[in-house]
């Protein structure tokens, strides 16, 4: 009563195939995979863009420390 049996899932699968067609589902999955790859690439690009700024800030701090020691 509380769960879905195999027959429920088969009926849902048939309805999905009727709505989208057998050829459309692989295309939808391919588009979804491309979207996930683009999202991951965007996250990695964001991380790479943040790293040089952190290094530059550390270099600037070291340079400032050297300048104060010289004076």
Protein backbone atom coordinates (compact mmCIF):
# COMPACT_ATOMS: atom_id res chain seq x y z
CA UNK A 1 0.00 0.00 0.00
CA UNK A 2 2.82 2.44 0.78
CA UNK A 3 5.31 1.56 -1.98
CA UNK A 4 5.46 1.24 -5.71
CA UNK A 5 5.59 -2.20 -7.26
CA UNK A 6 7.33 -3.13 -10.50
CA UNK A 7 4.00 -2.74 -12.32
CA UNK A 8 3.70 0.88 -11.25
CA UNK A 9 7.19 1.63 -12.57
CA UNK A 10 6.46 -0.14 -15.86
CA UNK A 11 3.31 1.93 -16.37
CA UNK A 12 5.25 5.14 -15.64
CA UNK A 13 7.94 4.06 -18.12
CA UNK A 14 5.36 3.40 -20.84
CA UNK A 15 3.75 6.81 -20.26
CA UNK A 16 7.14 8.56 -20.43
CA UNK A 17 7.99 6.73 -23.67
CA UNK A 18 4.64 7.73 -25.15
CA UNK A 19 5.10 11.38 -24.19
CA UNK A 20 8.70 11.85 -25.24
CA UNK A 21 9.26 9.06 -27.75
CA UNK A 22 12.11 6.54 -27.67
CA UNK A 23 14.47 8.74 -29.72
CA UNK A 24 13.98 11.88 -27.66
CA UNK A 25 15.11 10.44 -24.31
CA UNK A 26 18.78 9.85 -25.31
CA UNK A 27 18.90 13.38 -26.73
CA UNK A 28 17.56 14.78 -23.46
CA UNK A 29 20.12 12.80 -21.47
CA UNK A 30 22.91 14.05 -23.77
CA UNK A 31 21.80 17.64 -23.26
CA UNK A 32 21.70 17.09 -19.51
CA UNK A 33 25.23 15.65 -19.56
CA UNK A 34 26.48 18.67 -21.52
CA UNK A 35 24.89 20.96 -18.95
CA UNK A 36 26.56 19.13 -16.07
CA UNK A 37 29.95 19.30 -17.81
CA UNK A 38 29.53 23.03 -18.43
CA UNK A 39 28.57 23.55 -14.78
CA UNK A 40 31.65 21.66 -13.55
CA UNK A 41 33.88 23.58 -15.96
CA UNK A 42 32.43 26.84 -14.67
CA UNK A 43 33.20 25.84 -11.09
CA UNK A 44 36.78 24.87 -11.94
CA UNK A 45 37.29 28.10 -13.91
CA UNK A 46 36.07 30.07 -10.91
CA UNK A 47 38.51 28.25 -8.63
CA UNK A 48 41.41 28.86 -11.03
CA UNK A 49 40.54 32.56 -11.27
CA UNK A 50 40.60 32.88 -7.47
CA UNK A 51 43.99 31.19 -6.99
CA UNK A 52 46.19 33.80 -8.76
CA UNK A 53 44.59 36.59 -6.73
CA UNK A 54 45.49 34.84 -3.50
CA UNK A 55 49.07 34.33 -4.65
CA UNK A 56 49.34 37.97 -5.77
CA UNK A 57 48.07 39.13 -2.39
CA UNK A 58 50.67 36.99 -0.62
CA UNK A 59 53.43 38.33 -2.89
CA UNK A 60 52.30 41.89 -2.22
CA UNK A 61 52.40 41.26 1.53
CA UNK A 62 55.92 39.86 1.28
CA UNK A 63 57.04 42.82 -0.83
CA UNK A 64 55.50 45.25 1.68
CA UNK A 65 57.34 43.48 4.52
CA UNK A 66 60.64 43.77 2.63
CA UNK A 67 60.03 47.48 1.94
CA UNK A 68 59.38 48.23 5.60
CA UNK A 69 62.54 46.39 6.64
CA UNK A 70 64.66 48.37 4.18
CA UNK A 71 63.45 51.75 5.43
